[in-house]
Amino acid sequence: MTPLAKLLEAALFAAPRPIAMEALAALDVESSPAAVAAALDELREHYDVDGHGVELVEQGGGWQVLTRAEFAEAIERAQVAVRPQRLSAAALETLAIIAYRQPIGRAEIEEIRGVAVGSVLKSLHERGLIDIVGRSEGIGRPLLYGTTSQFLEQFALRHLEELPRADELAIALRGAGNTAVVPE
């Protein structure tokens, strides 16, 4: 492996969250973005070809070294990994509305859900899954919410375009016998 690939590997190993390409490039200011990308490809290939138990994954707006999926069950059974807290059904529903309709205000979310969402928004914000992304031009200039890079990371997405489309969700929910309303 090249010295740059080794440097990136060390940084990725030490990081608890995905590291953005810009931050990786800052590790060695003399390396070009193309050299950093080549070193990441080298590192990914190293993990794949040599059959390592970890892989290099692009998600959450950056790069991260993660355990391979085939070992996840054994690691969970041994309770080695730190598991993120589960989200309630209300939190997941609210998060889905925000993800698909962002930027969106509290009143719009409450209109869609039919219930107050203040405490759910607070919980999602404290977990770093949503953030205030601006203010509406409406009366009182209410806050607008959007998802964060931590949301992308927790759901193993590189970007929001990887969210399932509404028609894909409808098909999946019909197949599961669920009659839930799918956001459009």
N, C-alpha and C. Protein backbone atom coordinates (compact mmCIF):
# COMPACT_ATOMS: atom_id res chain seq x y z
N MET A 1 0.84 -1.19 0.00
CA MET A 1 0.00 0.00 0.00
C MET A 1 0.88 1.24 0.00
N THR A 2 0.37 2.27 -0.65
CA THR A 2 1.10 3.54 -0.70
C THR A 2 1.04 4.22 0.66
N PRO A 3 1.99 5.10 0.95
CA PRO A 3 1.94 5.84 2.22
C PRO A 3 0.65 6.64 2.39
N LEU A 4 0.11 7.20 1.31
CA LEU A 4 -1.13 7.96 1.41
C LEU A 4 -2.29 7.04 1.78
N ALA A 5 -2.36 5.86 1.19
CA ALA A 5 -3.41 4.90 1.52
C ALA A 5 -3.31 4.48 2.99
N LYS A 6 -2.10 4.30 3.49
CA LYS A 6 -1.91 3.95 4.90
C LYS A 6 -2.35 5.09 5.81
N LEU A 7 -2.05 6.33 5.43
CA LEU A 7 -2.47 7.49 6.21
C LEU A 7 -4.00 7.58 6.26
N LEU A 8 -4.64 7.40 5.12
CA LEU A 8 -6.11 7.43 5.07
C LEU A 8 -6.70 6.30 5.90
N GLU A 9 -6.10 5.12 5.82
CA GLU A 9 -6.59 3.98 6.60
C GLU A 9 -6.53 4.29 8.09
N ALA A 10 -5.43 4.88 8.54
CA ALA A 10 -5.28 5.21 9.96
C ALA A 10 -6.34 6.22 10.40
N ALA A 11 -6.58 7.23 9.58
CA ALA A 11 -7.58 8.25 9.92
C ALA A 11 -8.98 7.64 9.94
N LEU A 12 -9.29 6.83 8.95
CA LEU A 12 -10.61 6.21 8.87
C LEU A 12 -10.84 5.23 10.01
N PHE A 13 -9.80 4.52 10.39
CA PHE A 13 -9.91 3.57 11.50
C PHE A 13 -10.20 4.29 12.82
N ALA A 14 -9.58 5.44 13.00
CA ALA A 14 -9.72 6.19 14.26
C ALA A 14 -11.03 6.97 14.35
N ALA A 15 -11.69 7.20 13.23
CA ALA A 15 -12.87 8.07 13.21
C ALA A 15 -14.15 7.30 13.53
N PRO A 16 -14.98 7.85 14.42
CA PRO A 16 -16.25 7.19 14.74
C PRO A 16 -17.34 7.46 13.70
N ARG A 17 -17.10 8.40 12.80
CA ARG A 17 -18.09 8.81 11.79
C ARG A 17 -17.41 8.88 10.42
N PRO A 18 -18.21 8.89 9.35
CA PRO A 18 -17.61 9.06 8.03
C PRO A 18 -16.83 10.36 7.93
N ILE A 19 -15.74 10.32 7.19
CA ILE A 19 -14.89 11.50 7.00
C ILE A 19 -15.08 11.98 5.56
N ALA A 20 -15.40 13.26 5.40
CA ALA A 20 -15.61 13.86 4.08
C ALA A 20 -14.31 13.85 3.29
N MET A 21 -14.46 13.82 1.98
CA MET A 21 -13.30 13.80 1.08
C MET A 21 -12.39 15.00 1.34
N GLU A 22 -12.97 16.17 1.62
CA GLU A 22 -12.17 17.37 1.88
C GLU A 22 -11.29 17.19 3.13
N ALA A 23 -11.85 16.57 4.16
CA ALA A 23 -11.09 16.34 5.39
C ALA A 23 -9.97 15.32 5.15
N LEU A 24 -10.25 14.30 4.33
CA LEU A 24 -9.22 13.32 4.01
C LEU A 24 -8.10 13.97 3.20
N ALA A 25 -8.46 14.85 2.28
CA ALA A 25 -7.45 15.54 1.47
C ALA A 25 -6.58 16.45 2.34
N ALA A 26 -7.15 16.99 3.41
CA ALA A 26 -6.40 17.88 4.30
C ALA A 26 -5.33 17.14 5.11
N LEU A 27 -5.42 15.81 5.17
CA LEU A 27 -4.42 15.03 5.91
C LEU A 27 -3.04 15.13 5.27
N ASP A 28 -3.03 15.25 3.95
CA ASP A 28 -1.76 15.39 3.21
C ASP A 28 -1.96 16.48 2.16
N VAL A 29 -1.61 17.70 2.53
CA VAL A 29 -1.87 18.86 1.66
C VAL A 29 -1.12 18.80 0.34
N GLU A 30 -0.11 17.95 0.27
CA GLU A 30 0.67 17.84 -0.98
C GLU A 30 0.04 16.87 -1.97
N SER A 31 -0.99 16.15 -1.53
CA SER A 31 -1.66 15.19 -2.43
C SER A 31 -2.85 15.86 -3.10
N SER A 32 -3.03 15.56 -4.36
CA SER A 32 -4.16 16.11 -5.12
C SER A 32 -5.43 15.33 -4.78
N PRO A 33 -6.60 15.91 -5.07
CA PRO A 33 -7.85 15.17 -4.86
C PRO A 33 -7.88 13.85 -5.64
N ALA A 34 -7.27 13.85 -6.82
CA ALA A 34 -7.22 12.62 -7.61
C ALA A 34 -6.36 11.56 -6.91
N ALA A 35 -5.26 12.00 -6.27
CA ALA A 35 -4.40 11.06 -5.54
C ALA A 35 -5.13 10.49 -4.33
N VAL A 36 -5.92 11.32 -3.65
CA VAL A 36 -6.70 10.85 -2.49
C VAL A 36 -7.75 9.84 -2.96
N ALA A 37 -8.42 10.14 -4.08
CA ALA A 37 -9.41 9.22 -4.62
C ALA A 37 -8.76 7.89 -5.03
N ALA A 38 -7.58 7.96 -5.61
CA ALA A 38 -6.85 6.75 -6.00
C ALA A 38 -6.45 5.94 -4.77
N ALA A 39 -6.03 6.63 -3.71
CA ALA A 39 -5.65 5.94 -2.47
C ALA A 39 -6.87 5.28 -1.83
N LEU A 40 -8.03 5.93 -1.90
CA LEU A 40 -9.26 5.31 -1.38
C LEU A 40 -9.61 4.07 -2.18
N ASP A 41 -9.47 4.14 -3.51
CA ASP A 41 -9.71 2.97 -4.36
C ASP A 41 -8.74 1.84 -4.01
N GLU A 42 -7.48 2.21 -3.78
CA GLU A 42 -6.47 1.22 -3.39
C GLU A 42 -6.83 0.55 -2.08
N LEU A 43 -7.28 1.35 -1.13
CA LEU A 43 -7.66 0.83 0.19
C LEU A 43 -8.89 -0.09 0.07
N ARG A 44 -9.88 0.34 -0.69
CA ARG A 44 -11.08 -0.48 -0.89
C ARG A 44 -10.71 -1.81 -1.53
N GLU A 45 -9.87 -1.76 -2.56
CA GLU A 45 -9.45 -2.98 -3.24
C GLU A 45 -8.65 -3.89 -2.29
N HIS A 46 -7.80 -3.30 -1.47
CA HIS A 46 -7.02 -4.06 -0.49
C HIS A 46 -7.94 -4.86 0.43
N TYR A 47 -8.99 -4.20 0.94
CA TYR A 47 -9.93 -4.89 1.83
C TYR A 47 -10.72 -5.97 1.09
N ASP A 48 -11.08 -5.71 -0.16
CA ASP A 48 -11.87 -6.67 -0.93
C ASP A 48 -11.06 -7.87 -1.38
N VAL A 49 -9.90 -7.63 -1.97
CA VAL A 49 -9.08 -8.70 -2.54
C VAL A 49 -8.49 -9.60 -1.46
N ASP A 50 -8.04 -9.02 -0.37
CA ASP A 50 -7.39 -9.80 0.68
C ASP A 50 -8.39 -10.43 1.65
N GLY A 51 -9.70 -10.21 1.44
CA GLY A 51 -10.72 -10.87 2.25
C GLY A 51 -10.77 -10.40 3.69
N HIS A 52 -10.63 -9.12 3.93
CA HIS A 52 -10.69 -8.59 5.29
C HIS A 52 -12.11 -8.63 5.84
N GLY A 53 -12.24 -8.53 7.14
CA GLY A 53 -13.54 -8.51 7.81
C GLY A 53 -14.16 -7.13 7.81
N VAL A 54 -13.48 -6.16 7.24
CA VAL A 54 -13.99 -4.80 7.15
C VAL A 54 -13.98 -4.37 5.69
N GLU A 55 -14.73 -3.30 5.40
CA GLU A 55 -14.77 -2.76 4.05
C GLU A 55 -14.80 -1.24 4.12
N LEU A 56 -14.38 -0.61 3.05
CA LEU A 56 -14.41 0.85 2.94
C LEU A 56 -15.72 1.22 2.26
N VAL A 57 -16.52 2.05 2.94
CA VAL A 57 -17.86 2.39 2.46
C VAL A 57 -18.00 3.90 2.37
N GLU A 58 -18.63 4.36 1.29
CA GLU A 58 -18.96 5.78 1.16
C GLU A 58 -20.40 5.95 1.63
N GLN A 59 -20.60 6.72 2.68
CA GLN A 59 -21.94 6.97 3.21
C GLN A 59 -21.94 8.22 4.06
N GLY A 60 -23.09 8.80 4.25
CA GLY A 60 -23.22 9.96 5.11
C GLY A 60 -22.35 11.13 4.72
N GLY A 61 -22.08 11.27 3.43
CA GLY A 61 -21.27 12.39 2.97
C GLY A 61 -19.78 12.21 3.18
N GLY A 62 -19.34 10.98 3.41
CA GLY A 62 -17.92 10.74 3.62
C GLY A 62 -17.58 9.27 3.48
N TRP A 63 -16.41 8.91 3.99
CA TRP A 63 -15.90 7.54 3.89
C TRP A 63 -15.70 6.97 5.28
N GLN A 64 -15.94 5.67 5.42
CA GLN A 64 -15.81 5.02 6.72
C GLN A 64 -15.43 3.56 6.54
N VAL A 65 -14.62 3.04 7.47
CA VAL A 65 -14.29 1.63 7.50
C VAL A 65 -15.31 0.96 8.41
N LEU A 66 -16.04 -0.03 7.85
CA LEU A 66 -17.11 -0.70 8.59
C LEU A 66 -16.93 -2.21 8.53
N THR A 67 -17.52 -2.88 9.51
CA THR A 67 -17.56 -4.33 9.52
C THR A 67 -18.38 -4.82 8.34
N ARG A 68 -17.94 -5.90 7.70
CA ARG A 68 -18.70 -6.46 6.58
C ARG A 68 -20.03 -7.01 7.09
N ALA A 69 -21.04 -6.90 6.24
CA ALA A 69 -22.40 -7.31 6.59
C ALA A 69 -22.48 -8.77 7.05
N GLU A 70 -21.68 -9.64 6.45
CA GLU A 70 -21.76 -11.07 6.80
C GLU A 70 -21.31 -11.37 8.22
N PHE A 71 -20.63 -10.41 8.87
CA PHE A 71 -20.18 -10.62 10.24
C PHE A 71 -21.04 -9.87 11.27
N ALA A 72 -21.98 -9.07 10.78
CA ALA A 72 -22.78 -8.22 11.65
C ALA A 72 -23.57 -9.02 12.68
N GLU A 73 -24.17 -10.14 12.26
CA GLU A 73 -24.99 -10.94 13.19
C GLU A 73 -24.15 -11.49 14.34
N ALA A 74 -22.97 -12.01 14.04
CA ALA A 74 -22.10 -12.56 15.08
C ALA A 74 -21.64 -11.47 16.04
N ILE A 75 -21.33 -10.31 15.51
CA ILE A 75 -20.88 -9.19 16.35
C ILE A 75 -22.02 -8.70 17.23
N GLU A 76 -23.23 -8.63 16.68
CA GLU A 76 -24.40 -8.23 17.48
C GLU A 76 -24.65 -9.25 18.59
N ARG A 77 -24.55 -10.54 18.24
CA ARG A 77 -24.79 -11.60 19.22
C ARG A 77 -23.82 -11.46 20.39
N ALA A 78 -22.58 -11.12 20.09
CA ALA A 78 -21.57 -10.97 21.13
C ALA A 78 -21.65 -9.61 21.80
N GLN A 79 -22.51 -8.74 21.29
CA GLN A 79 -22.71 -7.39 21.82
C GLN A 79 -21.41 -6.60 21.88
N VAL A 80 -20.61 -6.76 20.83
CA VAL A 80 -19.34 -6.04 20.72
C VAL A 80 -19.58 -4.62 20.21
N ALA A 81 -20.49 -4.48 19.26
CA ALA A 81 -20.72 -3.18 18.64
C ALA A 81 -21.69 -2.34 19.47
N VAL A 82 -21.51 -1.04 19.41
CA VAL A 82 -22.43 -0.11 20.06
C VAL A 82 -23.60 0.10 19.11
N ARG A 83 -24.79 -0.24 19.56
CA ARG A 83 -25.97 -0.11 18.73
C ARG A 83 -26.65 1.22 18.96
N PRO A 84 -27.03 1.92 17.88
CA PRO A 84 -27.77 3.16 18.09
C PRO A 84 -29.13 2.84 18.69
N GLN A 85 -29.65 3.77 19.50
CA GLN A 85 -30.96 3.56 20.11
C GLN A 85 -32.01 3.45 19.02
N ARG A 86 -32.98 2.59 19.27
CA ARG A 86 -34.08 2.43 18.31
C ARG A 86 -34.96 3.66 18.32
N LEU A 87 -35.57 3.92 17.18
CA LEU A 87 -36.50 5.03 17.06
C LEU A 87 -37.92 4.50 17.19
N SER A 88 -38.78 5.26 17.85
CA SER A 88 -40.19 4.88 17.96
C SER A 88 -40.85 4.99 16.60
N ALA A 89 -42.03 4.41 16.48
CA ALA A 89 -42.78 4.50 15.23
C ALA A 89 -43.09 5.97 14.90
N ALA A 90 -43.44 6.75 15.92
CA ALA A 90 -43.74 8.17 15.71
C ALA A 90 -42.50 8.91 15.20
N ALA A 91 -41.33 8.59 15.77
CA ALA A 91 -40.09 9.24 15.35
C ALA A 91 -39.74 8.85 13.92
N LEU A 92 -39.89 7.57 13.58
CA LEU A 92 -39.59 7.12 12.22
C LEU A 92 -40.53 7.77 11.21
N GLU A 93 -41.81 7.86 11.56
CA GLU A 93 -42.78 8.47 10.66
C GLU A 93 -42.44 9.94 10.44
N THR A 94 -42.13 10.64 11.52
CA THR A 94 -41.78 12.06 11.42
C THR A 94 -40.49 12.24 10.62
N LEU A 95 -39.52 11.39 10.86
CA LEU A 95 -38.25 11.45 10.14
C LEU A 95 -38.45 11.20 8.65
N ALA A 96 -39.32 10.27 8.30
CA ALA A 96 -39.61 9.99 6.89
C ALA A 96 -40.25 11.20 6.23
N ILE A 97 -41.18 11.84 6.92
CA ILE A 97 -41.83 13.04 6.37
C ILE A 97 -40.78 14.12 6.12
N ILE A 98 -39.90 14.32 7.08
CA ILE A 98 -38.86 15.35 6.92
C ILE A 98 -37.93 14.98 5.78
N ALA A 99 -37.51 13.72 5.70
CA ALA A 99 -36.57 13.29 4.66
C ALA A 99 -37.15 13.51 3.26
N TYR A 100 -38.42 13.21 3.09
CA TYR A 100 -39.02 13.33 1.77
C TYR A 100 -39.52 14.73 1.43
N ARG A 101 -39.82 15.54 2.42
CA ARG A 101 -40.42 16.84 2.15
C ARG A 101 -39.55 18.02 2.54
N GLN A 102 -38.32 17.80 2.95
CA GLN A 102 -37.48 18.89 3.46
C GLN A 102 -37.19 19.94 2.41
N PRO A 103 -37.05 21.19 2.82
CA PRO A 103 -37.26 21.70 4.17
C PRO A 103 -38.76 21.80 4.47
N ILE A 104 -39.12 21.45 5.69
CA ILE A 104 -40.53 21.40 6.08
C ILE A 104 -40.69 21.93 7.49
N GLY A 105 -41.78 22.61 7.73
CA GLY A 105 -42.07 23.19 9.03
C GLY A 105 -42.88 22.26 9.92
N ARG A 106 -42.87 22.57 11.19
CA ARG A 106 -43.57 21.77 12.18
C ARG A 106 -45.07 21.67 11.87
N ALA A 107 -45.70 22.79 11.50
CA ALA A 107 -47.14 22.78 11.22
C ALA A 107 -47.47 21.84 10.07
N GLU A 108 -46.63 21.82 9.04
CA GLU A 108 -46.87 20.91 7.91
C GLU A 108 -46.73 19.45 8.34
N ILE A 109 -45.75 19.17 9.19
CA ILE A 109 -45.57 17.80 9.68
C ILE A 109 -46.78 17.39 10.50
N GLU A 110 -47.24 18.29 11.37
CA GLU A 110 -48.41 17.99 12.21
C GLU A 110 -49.66 17.80 11.36
N GLU A 111 -49.77 18.54 10.27
CA GLU A 111 -50.92 18.39 9.38
C GLU A 111 -50.90 17.01 8.72
N ILE A 112 -49.73 16.56 8.31
CA ILE A 112 -49.60 15.25 7.68
C ILE A 112 -49.85 14.13 8.69
N ARG A 113 -49.25 14.24 9.86
CA ARG A 113 -49.38 13.18 10.87
C ARG A 113 -50.69 13.25 11.64
N GLY A 114 -51.25 14.44 11.77
CA GLY A 114 -52.51 14.57 12.51
C GLY A 114 -52.34 14.64 14.02
N VAL A 115 -51.10 14.79 14.48
CA VAL A 115 -50.82 14.90 15.92
C VAL A 115 -49.69 15.90 16.14
N ALA A 116 -49.55 16.37 17.38
CA ALA A 116 -48.45 17.28 17.73
C ALA A 116 -47.12 16.53 17.62
N VAL A 117 -46.09 17.22 17.14
CA VAL A 117 -44.80 16.57 16.94
C VAL A 117 -43.65 17.27 17.66
N GLY A 118 -43.96 18.21 18.54
CA GLY A 118 -42.91 18.97 19.22
C GLY A 118 -41.89 18.10 19.93
N SER A 119 -42.35 17.14 20.72
CA SER A 119 -41.41 16.30 21.47
C SER A 119 -40.64 15.36 20.55
N VAL A 120 -41.27 14.92 19.48
CA VAL A 120 -40.59 14.04 18.52
C VAL A 120 -39.49 14.82 17.80
N LEU A 121 -39.79 16.05 17.39
CA LEU A 121 -38.79 16.89 16.74
C LEU A 121 -37.61 17.13 17.67
N LYS A 122 -37.90 17.39 18.94
CA LYS A 122 -36.84 17.62 19.92
C LYS A 122 -35.94 16.39 20.04
N SER A 123 -36.55 15.22 20.13
CA SER A 123 -35.79 13.98 20.25
C SER A 123 -34.92 13.73 19.02
N LEU A 124 -35.49 13.92 17.83
CA LEU A 124 -34.73 13.72 16.59
C LEU A 124 -33.58 14.72 16.48
N HIS A 125 -33.83 15.94 16.94
CA HIS A 125 -32.78 16.97 16.91
C HIS A 125 -31.66 16.62 17.89
N GLU A 126 -32.03 16.17 19.09
CA GLU A 126 -31.02 15.78 20.10
C GLU A 126 -30.17 14.61 19.62
N ARG A 127 -30.74 13.72 18.84
CA ARG A 127 -30.00 12.57 18.29
C ARG A 127 -29.16 12.95 17.08
N GLY A 128 -29.32 14.20 16.62
CA GLY A 128 -28.54 14.67 15.48
C GLY A 128 -29.05 14.19 14.13
N LEU A 129 -30.29 13.69 14.07
CA LEU A 129 -30.83 13.18 12.82
C LEU A 129 -31.49 14.27 11.98
N ILE A 130 -31.94 15.34 12.64
CA ILE A 130 -32.50 16.49 11.93
C ILE A 130 -31.87 17.76 12.47
N ASP A 131 -32.00 18.83 11.70
CA ASP A 131 -31.49 20.12 12.13
C ASP A 131 -32.38 21.20 11.57
N ILE A 132 -32.27 22.37 12.12
CA ILE A 132 -32.99 23.53 11.62
C ILE A 132 -32.21 24.03 10.41
N VAL A 133 -32.89 24.10 9.27
CA VAL A 133 -32.20 24.47 8.03
C VAL A 133 -32.60 25.84 7.51
N GLY A 134 -33.50 26.49 8.22
CA GLY A 134 -33.90 27.83 7.80
C GLY A 134 -35.22 28.23 8.41
N ARG A 135 -35.78 29.29 7.86
CA ARG A 135 -37.08 29.79 8.31
C ARG A 135 -37.97 29.99 7.10
N SER A 136 -39.25 29.71 7.30
CA SER A 136 -40.24 29.89 6.25
C SER A 136 -40.53 31.38 6.07
N GLU A 137 -41.03 31.74 4.92
CA GLU A 137 -41.42 33.13 4.66
C GLU A 137 -42.83 33.40 5.19
N GLY A 138 -43.51 32.38 5.73
CA GLY A 138 -44.88 32.52 6.22
C GLY A 138 -44.96 33.35 7.49
N ILE A 139 -46.20 33.51 7.97
CA ILE A 139 -46.47 34.30 9.17
C ILE A 139 -45.70 33.73 10.35
N GLY A 140 -44.98 34.60 11.04
CA GLY A 140 -44.19 34.19 12.20
C GLY A 140 -42.85 33.58 11.84
N ARG A 141 -42.58 33.43 10.55
CA ARG A 141 -41.33 32.83 10.07
C ARG A 141 -40.95 31.56 10.83
N PRO A 142 -41.81 30.51 10.73
CA PRO A 142 -41.54 29.27 11.47
C PRO A 142 -40.27 28.57 11.00
N LEU A 143 -39.70 27.78 11.90
CA LEU A 143 -38.48 27.03 11.60
C LEU A 143 -38.75 25.94 10.57
N LEU A 144 -37.76 25.68 9.75
CA LEU A 144 -37.83 24.60 8.77
C LEU A 144 -36.80 23.54 9.15
N TYR A 145 -37.17 22.29 9.00
CA TYR A 145 -36.32 21.18 9.39
C TYR A 145 -35.86 20.38 8.17
N GLY A 146 -34.68 19.80 8.30
CA GLY A 146 -34.12 18.92 7.28
C GLY A 146 -33.26 17.86 7.95
N THR A 147 -32.90 16.84 7.20
CA THR A 147 -32.08 15.76 7.74
C THR A 147 -30.60 16.16 7.73
N THR A 148 -29.81 15.43 8.49
CA THR A 148 -28.38 15.72 8.65
C THR A 148 -27.53 14.60 8.04
N SER A 149 -26.24 14.80 8.04
CA SER A 149 -25.33 13.74 7.57
C SER A 149 -25.38 12.54 8.51
N GLN A 150 -25.70 12.77 9.78
CA GLN A 150 -25.84 11.65 10.72
C GLN A 150 -27.05 10.79 10.35
N PHE A 151 -28.10 11.41 9.83
CA PHE A 151 -29.25 10.66 9.31
C PHE A 151 -28.79 9.75 8.18
N LEU A 152 -28.03 10.31 7.24
CA LEU A 152 -27.52 9.52 6.12
C LEU A 152 -26.69 8.35 6.63
N GLU A 153 -25.83 8.63 7.60
CA GLU A 153 -24.96 7.61 8.16
C GLU A 153 -25.77 6.50 8.83
N GLN A 154 -26.74 6.87 9.65
CA GLN A 154 -27.51 5.87 10.40
C GLN A 154 -28.31 4.96 9.46
N PHE A 155 -28.74 5.50 8.31
CA PHE A 155 -29.52 4.71 7.38
C PHE A 155 -28.69 4.23 6.19
N ALA A 156 -27.37 4.34 6.31
CA ALA A 156 -26.42 3.84 5.30
C ALA A 156 -26.71 4.38 3.91
N LEU A 157 -26.90 5.70 3.83
CA LEU A 157 -27.14 6.37 2.56
C LEU A 157 -25.98 7.30 2.25
N ARG A 158 -25.63 7.41 0.98
CA ARG A 158 -24.61 8.36 0.57
C ARG A 158 -25.20 9.75 0.38
N HIS A 159 -26.44 9.79 -0.12
CA HIS A 159 -27.14 11.05 -0.34
C HIS A 159 -28.64 10.77 -0.36
N LEU A 160 -29.44 11.82 -0.27
CA LEU A 160 -30.90 11.67 -0.18
C LEU A 160 -31.51 11.03 -1.42
N GLU A 161 -30.85 11.12 -2.56
CA GLU A 161 -31.38 10.51 -3.77
C GLU A 161 -31.45 8.98 -3.65
N GLU A 162 -30.76 8.41 -2.66
CA GLU A 162 -30.81 6.96 -2.46
C GLU A 162 -32.03 6.52 -1.66
N LEU A 163 -32.82 7.48 -1.16
CA LEU A 163 -34.07 7.11 -0.49
C LEU A 163 -34.98 6.43 -1.51
N PRO A 164 -35.74 5.43 -1.08
CA PRO A 164 -36.67 4.78 -2.03
C PRO A 164 -37.69 5.80 -2.54
N ARG A 165 -38.06 5.67 -3.80
CA ARG A 165 -39.09 6.54 -4.36
C ARG A 165 -40.45 6.12 -3.80
N ALA A 166 -41.41 7.01 -3.83
CA ALA A 166 -42.74 6.74 -3.28
C ALA A 166 -43.38 5.52 -3.93
N ASP A 167 -43.23 5.36 -5.25
CA ASP A 167 -43.83 4.20 -5.92
C ASP A 167 -43.17 2.89 -5.47
N GLU A 168 -41.86 2.93 -5.20
CA GLU A 168 -41.16 1.74 -4.68
C GLU A 168 -41.65 1.40 -3.28
N LEU A 169 -41.87 2.41 -2.45
CA LEU A 169 -42.39 2.18 -1.10
C LEU A 169 -43.79 1.58 -1.14
N ALA A 170 -44.63 2.10 -2.03
CA ALA A 170 -46.00 1.61 -2.13
C ALA A 170 -46.00 0.12 -2.50
N ILE A 171 -45.14 -0.28 -3.43
CA ILE A 171 -45.05 -1.68 -3.84
C ILE A 171 -44.56 -2.54 -2.68
N ALA A 172 -43.53 -2.07 -1.98
CA ALA A 172 -42.97 -2.83 -0.85
C ALA A 172 -44.00 -2.96 0.27
N LEU A 173 -44.72 -1.89 0.56
CA LEU A 173 -45.71 -1.93 1.63
C LEU A 173 -46.89 -2.83 1.25
N ARG A 174 -47.31 -2.81 -0.02
CA ARG A 174 -48.38 -3.71 -0.46
C ARG A 174 -47.95 -5.16 -0.33
N GLY A 175 -46.69 -5.42 -0.69
CA GLY A 175 -46.16 -6.78 -0.59
C GLY A 175 -46.08 -7.27 0.83
N ALA A 176 -45.92 -6.35 1.77
CA ALA A 176 -45.84 -6.71 3.20
C ALA A 176 -47.22 -6.73 3.84
N GLY A 177 -48.26 -6.41 3.06
CA GLY A 177 -49.61 -6.42 3.59
C GLY A 177 -49.91 -5.19 4.44
N ASN A 178 -49.10 -4.14 4.31
CA ASN A 178 -49.26 -2.92 5.09
C ASN A 178 -50.10 -1.92 4.29
N THR A 179 -50.97 -1.19 4.96
CA THR A 179 -51.80 -0.20 4.29
C THR A 179 -51.44 1.21 4.66
N ALA A 180 -50.21 1.43 5.11
CA ALA A 180 -49.77 2.76 5.53
C ALA A 180 -49.76 3.73 4.36
N VAL A 181 -49.92 5.00 4.65
CA VAL A 181 -49.90 6.04 3.63
C VAL A 181 -48.44 6.36 3.32
N VAL A 182 -48.12 6.41 2.04
CA VAL A 182 -46.75 6.67 1.59
C VAL A 182 -46.64 8.14 1.20
N PRO A 183 -45.59 8.85 1.68
CA PRO A 183 -45.42 10.26 1.29
C PRO A 183 -45.18 10.37 -0.20
N GLU A 184 -45.74 11.42 -0.82
CA GLU A 184 -45.57 11.61 -2.27
C GLU A 184 -44.46 12.58 -2.56
